Amino acid sequence: MSERLPIQMSSDDRRPDRERDSGTLLKEKPKIKKPPMYRVLLHNDDYTTREFVVMVLQDIFRKSESDAVQIMMHVHTNGVGVAGVYTFEVAEAKAEKSMAIARKFEYPLQLTVEAD
């Protein structure tokens, strides 16, 4: 006959002591790195109208009218301003789309993308 081992019950969880240490190991969640962000810079020129710049900021960069006017005035006064900050792919796409629309309307609008 096999001999039975005495099992002592733990007072806190009613599990046998010998089972308490054999629980499942919890894996730590892997730390997800945030993607690097990039600024889309809008450059001033002497030909693109203020109204067109505001329209681009509203339609492509989803800025409110007041934010778009404020950014446009900053660009007009300082020569360059930030249209928005995005992941690289989004920043590049917005800059390219903005310049394509500007070319369609024969404006020399320039946008560049740089690391934030």
N, C-alpha and C. Protein backbone atom coordinates (compact mmCIF):
# COMPACT_ATOMS: atom_id res chain seq x y z
N MET A 1 0.82 -1.19 0.00
CA MET A 1 0.00 0.00 0.00
C MET A 1 0.86 1.25 0.00
N SER A 2 0.34 2.28 -0.65
CA SER A 2 1.10 3.52 -0.67
C SER A 2 0.82 4.32 0.58
N GLU A 3 1.84 4.99 1.00
CA GLU A 3 1.73 5.77 2.22
C GLU A 3 1.25 7.16 1.87
N ARG A 4 0.29 7.69 2.57
CA ARG A 4 -0.25 9.02 2.32
C ARG A 4 0.55 10.04 3.09
N LEU A 5 0.88 11.14 2.39
CA LEU A 5 1.60 12.23 3.04
C LEU A 5 0.60 13.17 3.69
N PRO A 6 0.91 13.60 4.89
CA PRO A 6 -0.01 14.55 5.52
C PRO A 6 0.07 15.91 4.80
N ILE A 7 -1.05 16.50 4.59
CA ILE A 7 -1.12 17.81 3.94
C ILE A 7 -1.66 18.80 4.95
N GLN A 8 -0.91 19.86 5.12
CA GLN A 8 -1.38 20.91 6.03
C GLN A 8 -2.05 21.99 5.21
N MET A 9 -3.19 22.42 5.68
CA MET A 9 -3.93 23.46 4.97
C MET A 9 -3.47 24.82 5.44
N SER A 10 -3.36 25.70 4.49
CA SER A 10 -3.00 27.08 4.80
C SER A 10 -4.25 27.76 5.34
N SER A 11 -4.06 28.64 6.29
CA SER A 11 -5.22 29.29 6.89
C SER A 11 -5.79 30.41 6.01
N ASP A 12 -4.97 30.94 5.11
CA ASP A 12 -5.44 32.08 4.34
C ASP A 12 -6.20 31.72 3.08
N ASP A 13 -5.87 30.65 2.40
CA ASP A 13 -6.53 30.39 1.12
C ASP A 13 -7.07 28.96 1.00
N ARG A 14 -6.98 28.20 2.03
CA ARG A 14 -7.51 26.84 2.08
C ARG A 14 -6.92 25.91 1.02
N ARG A 15 -5.73 26.24 0.54
CA ARG A 15 -5.05 25.34 -0.39
C ARG A 15 -3.95 24.63 0.38
N PRO A 16 -3.63 23.45 -0.02
CA PRO A 16 -2.52 22.76 0.65
C PRO A 16 -1.23 23.57 0.48
N ASP A 17 -0.41 23.62 1.50
CA ASP A 17 0.84 24.38 1.48
C ASP A 17 1.73 23.99 0.31
N ARG A 18 1.75 22.72 -0.02
CA ARG A 18 2.65 22.28 -1.07
C ARG A 18 2.22 22.82 -2.45
N GLU A 19 0.99 23.25 -2.61
CA GLU A 19 0.51 23.79 -3.88
C GLU A 19 0.66 25.30 -3.96
N ARG A 20 0.82 25.95 -2.86
CA ARG A 20 0.84 27.41 -2.83
C ARG A 20 1.99 27.97 -3.67
N ASP A 21 3.14 27.34 -3.67
CA ASP A 21 4.29 27.85 -4.39
C ASP A 21 4.31 27.43 -5.85
N SER A 22 3.36 26.68 -6.30
CA SER A 22 3.37 26.22 -7.69
C SER A 22 2.39 27.01 -8.56
N GLY A 23 2.13 28.26 -8.20
CA GLY A 23 1.20 29.08 -8.97
C GLY A 23 1.78 29.48 -10.31
N THR A 24 0.97 30.08 -11.14
CA THR A 24 1.38 30.51 -12.47
C THR A 24 2.23 31.76 -12.35
N LEU A 25 3.32 31.78 -13.10
CA LEU A 25 4.14 32.98 -13.14
C LEU A 25 3.47 34.01 -14.03
N LEU A 26 3.40 35.23 -13.55
CA LEU A 26 2.82 36.30 -14.36
C LEU A 26 3.93 36.94 -15.17
N LYS A 27 3.72 37.01 -16.45
CA LYS A 27 4.71 37.65 -17.31
C LYS A 27 4.48 39.15 -17.29
N GLU A 28 5.58 39.88 -17.26
CA GLU A 28 5.45 41.33 -17.33
C GLU A 28 5.05 41.73 -18.73
N LYS A 29 4.21 42.75 -18.82
CA LYS A 29 3.83 43.25 -20.13
C LYS A 29 5.06 43.85 -20.78
N PRO A 30 5.27 43.55 -22.04
CA PRO A 30 6.42 44.17 -22.70
C PRO A 30 6.17 45.68 -22.83
N LYS A 31 7.19 46.44 -22.58
CA LYS A 31 7.07 47.88 -22.69
C LYS A 31 7.02 48.24 -24.18
N ILE A 32 5.97 48.92 -24.56
CA ILE A 32 5.82 49.32 -25.95
C ILE A 32 6.38 50.72 -26.10
N LYS A 33 7.32 50.82 -26.99
CA LYS A 33 7.97 52.10 -27.24
C LYS A 33 7.08 52.96 -28.12
N LYS A 34 6.91 54.21 -27.74
CA LYS A 34 6.14 55.12 -28.56
C LYS A 34 6.95 55.45 -29.81
N PRO A 35 6.28 55.57 -30.95
CA PRO A 35 7.03 55.88 -32.16
C PRO A 35 7.57 57.31 -32.10
N PRO A 36 8.69 57.56 -32.76
CA PRO A 36 9.21 58.93 -32.77
C PRO A 36 8.23 59.84 -33.51
N MET A 37 8.18 61.07 -33.08
CA MET A 37 7.25 62.02 -33.67
C MET A 37 8.01 63.03 -34.55
N TYR A 38 7.30 63.56 -35.52
CA TYR A 38 7.89 64.49 -36.49
C TYR A 38 6.99 65.71 -36.65
N ARG A 39 7.64 66.87 -36.75
CA ARG A 39 6.93 68.13 -36.97
C ARG A 39 6.78 68.38 -38.46
N VAL A 40 5.62 68.86 -38.85
CA VAL A 40 5.42 69.32 -40.21
C VAL A 40 5.55 70.84 -40.15
N LEU A 41 6.58 71.34 -40.83
CA LEU A 41 6.85 72.77 -40.82
C LEU A 41 6.29 73.43 -42.07
N LEU A 42 5.64 74.53 -41.88
CA LEU A 42 5.06 75.31 -42.95
C LEU A 42 5.95 76.52 -43.15
N HIS A 43 6.39 76.76 -44.39
CA HIS A 43 7.32 77.85 -44.69
C HIS A 43 6.61 79.00 -45.40
N ASN A 44 6.96 80.21 -45.03
CA ASN A 44 6.37 81.40 -45.62
C ASN A 44 6.92 81.63 -47.02
N ASP A 45 6.08 82.17 -47.88
CA ASP A 45 6.54 82.62 -49.20
C ASP A 45 5.75 83.87 -49.55
N ASP A 46 6.13 84.53 -50.61
CA ASP A 46 5.50 85.81 -50.97
C ASP A 46 4.31 85.64 -51.90
N TYR A 47 3.92 84.42 -52.24
CA TYR A 47 2.88 84.22 -53.24
C TYR A 47 1.65 83.48 -52.73
N THR A 48 1.82 82.53 -51.84
CA THR A 48 0.68 81.76 -51.34
C THR A 48 -0.18 82.67 -50.46
N THR A 49 -1.47 82.70 -50.75
CA THR A 49 -2.35 83.60 -49.99
C THR A 49 -2.57 83.09 -48.57
N ARG A 50 -2.87 84.02 -47.70
CA ARG A 50 -3.17 83.66 -46.31
C ARG A 50 -4.40 82.76 -46.24
N GLU A 51 -5.39 83.07 -47.05
CA GLU A 51 -6.62 82.29 -47.06
C GLU A 51 -6.36 80.84 -47.46
N PHE A 52 -5.46 80.66 -48.44
CA PHE A 52 -5.14 79.30 -48.87
C PHE A 52 -4.44 78.53 -47.75
N VAL A 53 -3.53 79.17 -47.07
CA VAL A 53 -2.81 78.52 -45.96
C VAL A 53 -3.78 78.12 -44.86
N VAL A 54 -4.72 79.00 -44.54
CA VAL A 54 -5.73 78.69 -43.52
C VAL A 54 -6.57 77.50 -43.97
N MET A 55 -6.95 77.47 -45.24
CA MET A 55 -7.75 76.37 -45.78
C MET A 55 -6.98 75.04 -45.65
N VAL A 56 -5.69 75.05 -46.00
CA VAL A 56 -4.87 73.83 -45.89
C VAL A 56 -4.79 73.37 -44.43
N LEU A 57 -4.57 74.30 -43.53
CA LEU A 57 -4.48 73.96 -42.11
C LEU A 57 -5.80 73.37 -41.59
N GLN A 58 -6.91 73.89 -42.06
CA GLN A 58 -8.21 73.38 -41.62
C GLN A 58 -8.52 72.02 -42.26
N ASP A 59 -8.33 71.92 -43.57
CA ASP A 59 -8.74 70.71 -44.28
C ASP A 59 -7.79 69.53 -44.11
N ILE A 60 -6.50 69.77 -44.15
CA ILE A 60 -5.54 68.66 -44.08
C ILE A 60 -5.06 68.41 -42.66
N PHE A 61 -4.83 69.49 -41.90
CA PHE A 61 -4.29 69.32 -40.55
C PHE A 61 -5.38 69.36 -39.48
N ARG A 62 -6.63 69.51 -39.91
CA ARG A 62 -7.79 69.48 -39.01
C ARG A 62 -7.71 70.51 -37.88
N LYS A 63 -7.25 71.69 -38.20
CA LYS A 63 -7.19 72.78 -37.22
C LYS A 63 -8.49 73.56 -37.25
N SER A 64 -8.86 74.11 -36.11
CA SER A 64 -10.02 75.00 -36.07
C SER A 64 -9.66 76.27 -36.82
N GLU A 65 -10.66 77.07 -37.16
CA GLU A 65 -10.38 78.30 -37.89
C GLU A 65 -9.47 79.22 -37.09
N SER A 66 -9.74 79.36 -35.80
CA SER A 66 -8.90 80.26 -34.99
C SER A 66 -7.47 79.74 -34.87
N ASP A 67 -7.29 78.42 -34.70
CA ASP A 67 -5.94 77.85 -34.64
C ASP A 67 -5.21 78.01 -35.97
N ALA A 68 -5.95 77.80 -37.07
CA ALA A 68 -5.36 77.91 -38.40
C ALA A 68 -4.89 79.35 -38.66
N VAL A 69 -5.70 80.31 -38.29
CA VAL A 69 -5.33 81.73 -38.47
C VAL A 69 -4.11 82.05 -37.61
N GLN A 70 -4.08 81.56 -36.39
CA GLN A 70 -2.95 81.82 -35.49
C GLN A 70 -1.66 81.22 -36.05
N ILE A 71 -1.71 79.99 -36.55
CA ILE A 71 -0.53 79.35 -37.14
C ILE A 71 -0.09 80.11 -38.39
N MET A 72 -1.05 80.47 -39.24
CA MET A 72 -0.74 81.21 -40.46
C MET A 72 -0.04 82.52 -40.14
N MET A 73 -0.53 83.24 -39.14
CA MET A 73 0.08 84.52 -38.76
C MET A 73 1.49 84.30 -38.20
N HIS A 74 1.68 83.24 -37.46
CA HIS A 74 3.01 82.92 -36.93
C HIS A 74 3.97 82.66 -38.10
N VAL A 75 3.53 81.89 -39.08
CA VAL A 75 4.36 81.60 -40.25
C VAL A 75 4.65 82.89 -41.01
N HIS A 76 3.64 83.71 -41.19
CA HIS A 76 3.80 84.98 -41.92
C HIS A 76 4.80 85.90 -41.21
N THR A 77 4.74 85.93 -39.90
CA THR A 77 5.61 86.82 -39.11
C THR A 77 7.02 86.26 -38.94
N ASN A 78 7.14 84.96 -38.70
CA ASN A 78 8.43 84.35 -38.35
C ASN A 78 9.09 83.57 -39.48
N GLY A 79 8.38 83.37 -40.57
CA GLY A 79 8.96 82.66 -41.69
C GLY A 79 8.73 81.17 -41.70
N VAL A 80 8.44 80.58 -40.57
CA VAL A 80 8.19 79.14 -40.47
C VAL A 80 7.36 78.88 -39.22
N GLY A 81 6.54 77.82 -39.27
CA GLY A 81 5.72 77.46 -38.12
C GLY A 81 5.33 75.99 -38.20
N VAL A 82 4.90 75.46 -37.09
CA VAL A 82 4.54 74.05 -36.99
C VAL A 82 3.05 73.88 -37.32
N ALA A 83 2.80 73.10 -38.36
CA ALA A 83 1.43 72.79 -38.74
C ALA A 83 0.86 71.66 -37.89
N GLY A 84 1.73 70.75 -37.43
CA GLY A 84 1.30 69.64 -36.59
C GLY A 84 2.45 68.70 -36.30
N VAL A 85 2.23 67.79 -35.35
CA VAL A 85 3.24 66.81 -34.95
C VAL A 85 2.60 65.43 -35.06
N TYR A 86 3.25 64.54 -35.83
CA TYR A 86 2.67 63.24 -36.14
C TYR A 86 3.78 62.18 -36.23
N THR A 87 3.36 60.93 -36.40
CA THR A 87 4.34 59.89 -36.71
C THR A 87 4.89 60.20 -38.11
N PHE A 88 6.01 59.60 -38.47
CA PHE A 88 6.67 59.95 -39.72
C PHE A 88 5.76 59.77 -40.93
N GLU A 89 5.09 58.63 -41.03
CA GLU A 89 4.26 58.35 -42.19
C GLU A 89 3.13 59.36 -42.34
N VAL A 90 2.50 59.71 -41.23
CA VAL A 90 1.39 60.67 -41.26
C VAL A 90 1.92 62.06 -41.60
N ALA A 91 3.03 62.46 -40.99
CA ALA A 91 3.62 63.77 -41.25
C ALA A 91 3.98 63.91 -42.72
N GLU A 92 4.63 62.90 -43.26
CA GLU A 92 5.05 62.93 -44.65
C GLU A 92 3.84 63.00 -45.59
N ALA A 93 2.82 62.22 -45.29
CA ALA A 93 1.61 62.21 -46.13
C ALA A 93 0.91 63.56 -46.12
N LYS A 94 0.80 64.18 -44.95
CA LYS A 94 0.14 65.49 -44.85
C LYS A 94 0.94 66.57 -45.58
N ALA A 95 2.25 66.53 -45.46
CA ALA A 95 3.10 67.50 -46.16
C ALA A 95 2.97 67.33 -47.67
N GLU A 96 3.03 66.10 -48.14
CA GLU A 96 2.92 65.84 -49.59
C GLU A 96 1.56 66.23 -50.13
N LYS A 97 0.51 65.91 -49.40
CA LYS A 97 -0.84 66.25 -49.84
C LYS A 97 -1.03 67.76 -49.90
N SER A 98 -0.51 68.46 -48.90
CA SER A 98 -0.62 69.92 -48.88
C SER A 98 0.09 70.55 -50.07
N MET A 99 1.29 70.07 -50.38
CA MET A 99 2.05 70.63 -51.50
C MET A 99 1.40 70.26 -52.84
N ALA A 100 0.80 69.08 -52.93
CA ALA A 100 0.12 68.69 -54.17
C ALA A 100 -1.07 69.61 -54.44
N ILE A 101 -1.84 69.92 -53.40
CA ILE A 101 -2.98 70.83 -53.56
C ILE A 101 -2.48 72.23 -53.91
N ALA A 102 -1.40 72.65 -53.27
CA ALA A 102 -0.83 73.97 -53.58
C ALA A 102 -0.40 74.04 -55.04
N ARG A 103 0.22 73.00 -55.55
CA ARG A 103 0.67 72.98 -56.96
C ARG A 103 -0.53 73.06 -57.90
N LYS A 104 -1.61 72.37 -57.51
CA LYS A 104 -2.83 72.39 -58.32
C LYS A 104 -3.35 73.83 -58.48
N PHE A 105 -3.22 74.61 -57.42
CA PHE A 105 -3.67 76.00 -57.45
C PHE A 105 -2.53 76.97 -57.78
N GLU A 106 -1.40 76.40 -58.20
CA GLU A 106 -0.22 77.15 -58.64
C GLU A 106 0.39 78.04 -57.55
N TYR A 107 0.41 77.51 -56.32
CA TYR A 107 1.08 78.19 -55.21
C TYR A 107 2.39 77.45 -54.92
N PRO A 108 3.43 78.19 -54.55
CA PRO A 108 4.72 77.56 -54.23
C PRO A 108 4.87 77.13 -52.77
N LEU A 109 3.78 76.85 -52.12
CA LEU A 109 3.79 76.48 -50.69
C LEU A 109 4.77 75.35 -50.43
N GLN A 110 5.60 75.52 -49.40
CA GLN A 110 6.58 74.49 -49.03
C GLN A 110 6.33 74.03 -47.60
N LEU A 111 6.35 72.71 -47.43
CA LEU A 111 6.27 72.10 -46.11
C LEU A 111 7.41 71.11 -45.99
N THR A 112 7.99 71.03 -44.82
CA THR A 112 9.05 70.06 -44.57
C THR A 112 8.71 69.26 -43.32
N VAL A 113 9.37 68.12 -43.18
CA VAL A 113 9.17 67.23 -42.03
C VAL A 113 10.49 67.09 -41.31
N GLU A 114 10.48 67.28 -39.99
CA GLU A 114 11.70 67.10 -39.20
C GLU A 114 11.38 66.43 -37.88
N ALA A 115 12.36 65.75 -37.33
CA ALA A 115 12.17 65.04 -36.06
C ALA A 115 11.84 66.03 -34.96
N ASP A 116 10.94 65.62 -34.09
CA ASP A 116 10.47 66.48 -32.99
C ASP A 116 11.50 66.51 -31.87
